[in-house]
Amino acid sequence: MIGILIAVVVAALVYAVCVALGLPTIVGIIAAVLVLLAGIPTGGYGLGSRFGGARRA
């Protein structure tokens, strides 16, 4: 749950930065969606894996 919240906060920051840099709104939205897609399935930036399998050394 914490990973999802972190992903949402980071996505909002990415959108704000894109808009502050003068990029079109659609670019900010796409960037925010990509951050969400990268962050949510993994449980939040590297905590777990996308498919639920354990990492083996």
N, C-alpha and C. Protein backbone atom coordinates (compact mmCIF):
# COMPACT_ATOMS: atom_id res chain seq x y z
N MET A 1 0.82 -1.20 0.00
CA MET A 1 0.00 0.00 0.00
C MET A 1 0.86 1.26 0.00
N ILE A 2 1.95 1.22 0.77
CA ILE A 2 2.84 2.37 0.82
C ILE A 2 3.47 2.61 -0.56
N GLY A 3 3.80 1.52 -1.26
CA GLY A 3 4.39 1.64 -2.59
C GLY A 3 3.48 2.36 -3.56
N ILE A 4 2.19 2.08 -3.48
CA ILE A 4 1.22 2.74 -4.35
C ILE A 4 1.16 4.23 -4.03
N LEU A 5 1.16 4.57 -2.75
CA LEU A 5 1.12 5.98 -2.36
C LEU A 5 2.37 6.72 -2.84
N ILE A 6 3.52 6.07 -2.72
CA ILE A 6 4.76 6.68 -3.18
C ILE A 6 4.71 6.90 -4.70
N ALA A 7 4.20 5.91 -5.42
CA ALA A 7 4.10 6.03 -6.88
C ALA A 7 3.17 7.18 -7.27
N VAL A 8 2.07 7.34 -6.55
CA VAL A 8 1.13 8.43 -6.86
C VAL A 8 1.78 9.79 -6.58
N VAL A 9 2.48 9.90 -5.47
CA VAL A 9 3.14 11.17 -5.13
C VAL A 9 4.22 11.50 -6.15
N VAL A 10 5.02 10.52 -6.53
CA VAL A 10 6.07 10.77 -7.52
C VAL A 10 5.46 11.12 -8.87
N ALA A 11 4.36 10.48 -9.24
CA ALA A 11 3.70 10.80 -10.51
C ALA A 11 3.18 12.24 -10.49
N ALA A 12 2.64 12.68 -9.37
CA ALA A 12 2.18 14.06 -9.26
C ALA A 12 3.35 15.04 -9.38
N LEU A 13 4.48 14.69 -8.78
CA LEU A 13 5.66 15.55 -8.89
C LEU A 13 6.17 15.61 -10.32
N VAL A 14 6.16 14.48 -11.01
CA VAL A 14 6.60 14.45 -12.41
C VAL A 14 5.69 15.33 -13.26
N TYR A 15 4.40 15.25 -13.05
CA TYR A 15 3.45 16.09 -13.79
C TYR A 15 3.71 17.57 -13.51
N ALA A 16 3.91 17.91 -12.24
CA ALA A 16 4.15 19.30 -11.87
C ALA A 16 5.44 19.83 -12.50
N VAL A 17 6.48 19.00 -12.52
CA VAL A 17 7.75 19.43 -13.13
C VAL A 17 7.58 19.63 -14.63
N CYS A 18 6.87 18.73 -15.28
CA CYS A 18 6.66 18.86 -16.72
C CYS A 18 5.91 20.14 -17.06
N VAL A 19 4.88 20.45 -16.27
CA VAL A 19 4.11 21.67 -16.52
C VAL A 19 4.95 22.90 -16.20
N ALA A 20 5.76 22.84 -15.14
CA ALA A 20 6.61 23.97 -14.77
C ALA A 20 7.67 24.25 -15.83
N LEU A 21 8.11 23.21 -16.53
CA LEU A 21 9.10 23.39 -17.59
C LEU A 21 8.49 23.91 -18.88
N GLY A 22 7.18 24.06 -18.89
CA GLY A 22 6.51 24.61 -20.07
C GLY A 22 6.14 23.56 -21.10
N LEU A 23 6.21 22.30 -20.73
CA LEU A 23 5.82 21.24 -21.66
C LEU A 23 4.30 21.19 -21.77
N PRO A 24 3.78 20.68 -22.87
CA PRO A 24 2.32 20.56 -22.99
C PRO A 24 1.74 19.65 -21.91
N THR A 25 0.50 19.89 -21.56
CA THR A 25 -0.15 19.12 -20.50
C THR A 25 -0.17 17.63 -20.81
N ILE A 26 -0.38 17.28 -22.06
CA ILE A 26 -0.46 15.87 -22.43
C ILE A 26 0.86 15.16 -22.17
N VAL A 27 1.97 15.86 -22.33
CA VAL A 27 3.28 15.27 -22.05
C VAL A 27 3.41 14.97 -20.56
N GLY A 28 2.95 15.89 -19.73
CA GLY A 28 2.96 15.67 -18.28
C GLY A 28 2.09 14.51 -17.87
N ILE A 29 0.94 14.39 -18.49
CA ILE A 29 0.03 13.29 -18.16
C ILE A 29 0.64 11.95 -18.57
N ILE A 30 1.23 11.90 -19.75
CA ILE A 30 1.85 10.66 -20.22
C ILE A 30 3.02 10.28 -19.31
N ALA A 31 3.82 11.26 -18.92
CA ALA A 31 4.94 10.98 -18.03
C ALA A 31 4.45 10.46 -16.68
N ALA A 32 3.39 11.05 -16.16
CA ALA A 32 2.85 10.61 -14.87
C ALA A 32 2.30 9.19 -14.96
N VAL A 33 1.63 8.87 -16.05
CA VAL A 33 1.10 7.52 -16.23
C VAL A 33 2.23 6.51 -16.32
N LEU A 34 3.31 6.86 -17.01
CA LEU A 34 4.45 5.95 -17.10
C LEU A 34 5.08 5.71 -15.74
N VAL A 35 5.15 6.76 -14.92
CA VAL A 35 5.68 6.58 -13.56
C VAL A 35 4.78 5.66 -12.76
N LEU A 36 3.47 5.82 -12.89
CA LEU A 36 2.54 4.94 -12.17
C LEU A 36 2.69 3.50 -12.63
N LEU A 37 2.80 3.30 -13.94
CA LEU A 37 2.96 1.93 -14.45
C LEU A 37 4.27 1.31 -13.98
N ALA A 38 5.30 2.10 -13.82
CA ALA A 38 6.58 1.58 -13.36
C ALA A 38 6.57 1.30 -11.87
N GLY A 39 5.83 2.08 -11.11
CA GLY A 39 5.88 1.97 -9.66
C GLY A 39 4.89 1.03 -9.03
N ILE A 40 3.67 0.98 -9.54
CA ILE A 40 2.62 0.21 -8.86
C ILE A 40 2.81 -1.30 -8.98
N PRO A 41 3.06 -1.88 -10.18
CA PRO A 41 3.13 -3.34 -10.26
C PRO A 41 4.24 -3.96 -9.43
N THR A 42 5.31 -3.23 -9.17
CA THR A 42 6.42 -3.79 -8.43
C THR A 42 6.23 -3.65 -6.93
N GLY A 43 5.15 -3.05 -6.50
CA GLY A 43 4.95 -2.82 -5.08
C GLY A 43 5.68 -1.56 -4.64
N GLY A 44 6.20 -0.80 -5.57
CA GLY A 44 6.83 0.46 -5.26
C GLY A 44 8.33 0.46 -5.37
N TYR A 45 8.83 0.58 -6.58
CA TYR A 45 10.24 0.85 -6.82
C TYR A 45 11.17 -0.20 -6.24
N GLY A 46 11.04 -1.42 -6.74
CA GLY A 46 12.01 -2.44 -6.42
C GLY A 46 11.65 -3.33 -5.25
N LEU A 47 10.52 -3.12 -4.62
CA LEU A 47 10.12 -3.97 -3.49
C LEU A 47 9.22 -5.07 -4.03
N GLY A 48 9.80 -6.20 -4.39
CA GLY A 48 9.03 -7.29 -4.99
C GLY A 48 9.24 -7.28 -6.50
N SER A 49 8.59 -8.20 -7.17
CA SER A 49 8.73 -8.25 -8.62
C SER A 49 7.36 -8.13 -9.27
N ARG A 50 7.37 -7.82 -10.54
CA ARG A 50 6.13 -7.60 -11.26
C ARG A 50 5.28 -8.87 -11.32
N PHE A 51 5.92 -10.05 -11.40
CA PHE A 51 5.18 -11.28 -11.56
C PHE A 51 5.09 -12.09 -10.27
N GLY A 52 5.58 -11.57 -9.19
CA GLY A 52 5.45 -12.24 -7.89
C GLY A 52 6.48 -13.30 -7.59
N GLY A 53 7.41 -13.53 -8.51
CA GLY A 53 8.43 -14.54 -8.27
C GLY A 53 9.56 -14.00 -7.42
N ALA A 54 10.22 -14.89 -6.72
CA ALA A 54 11.36 -14.48 -5.88
C ALA A 54 12.61 -14.39 -6.76
N ARG A 55 13.49 -13.47 -6.41
CA ARG A 55 14.76 -13.36 -7.13
C ARG A 55 15.73 -14.40 -6.59
N ARG A 56 16.42 -15.04 -7.50
CA ARG A 56 17.41 -16.05 -7.09
C ARG A 56 18.78 -15.60 -7.49
N ALA A 57 19.73 -15.84 -6.61
CA ALA A 57 21.09 -15.39 -6.87
C ALA A 57 21.85 -16.34 -7.76
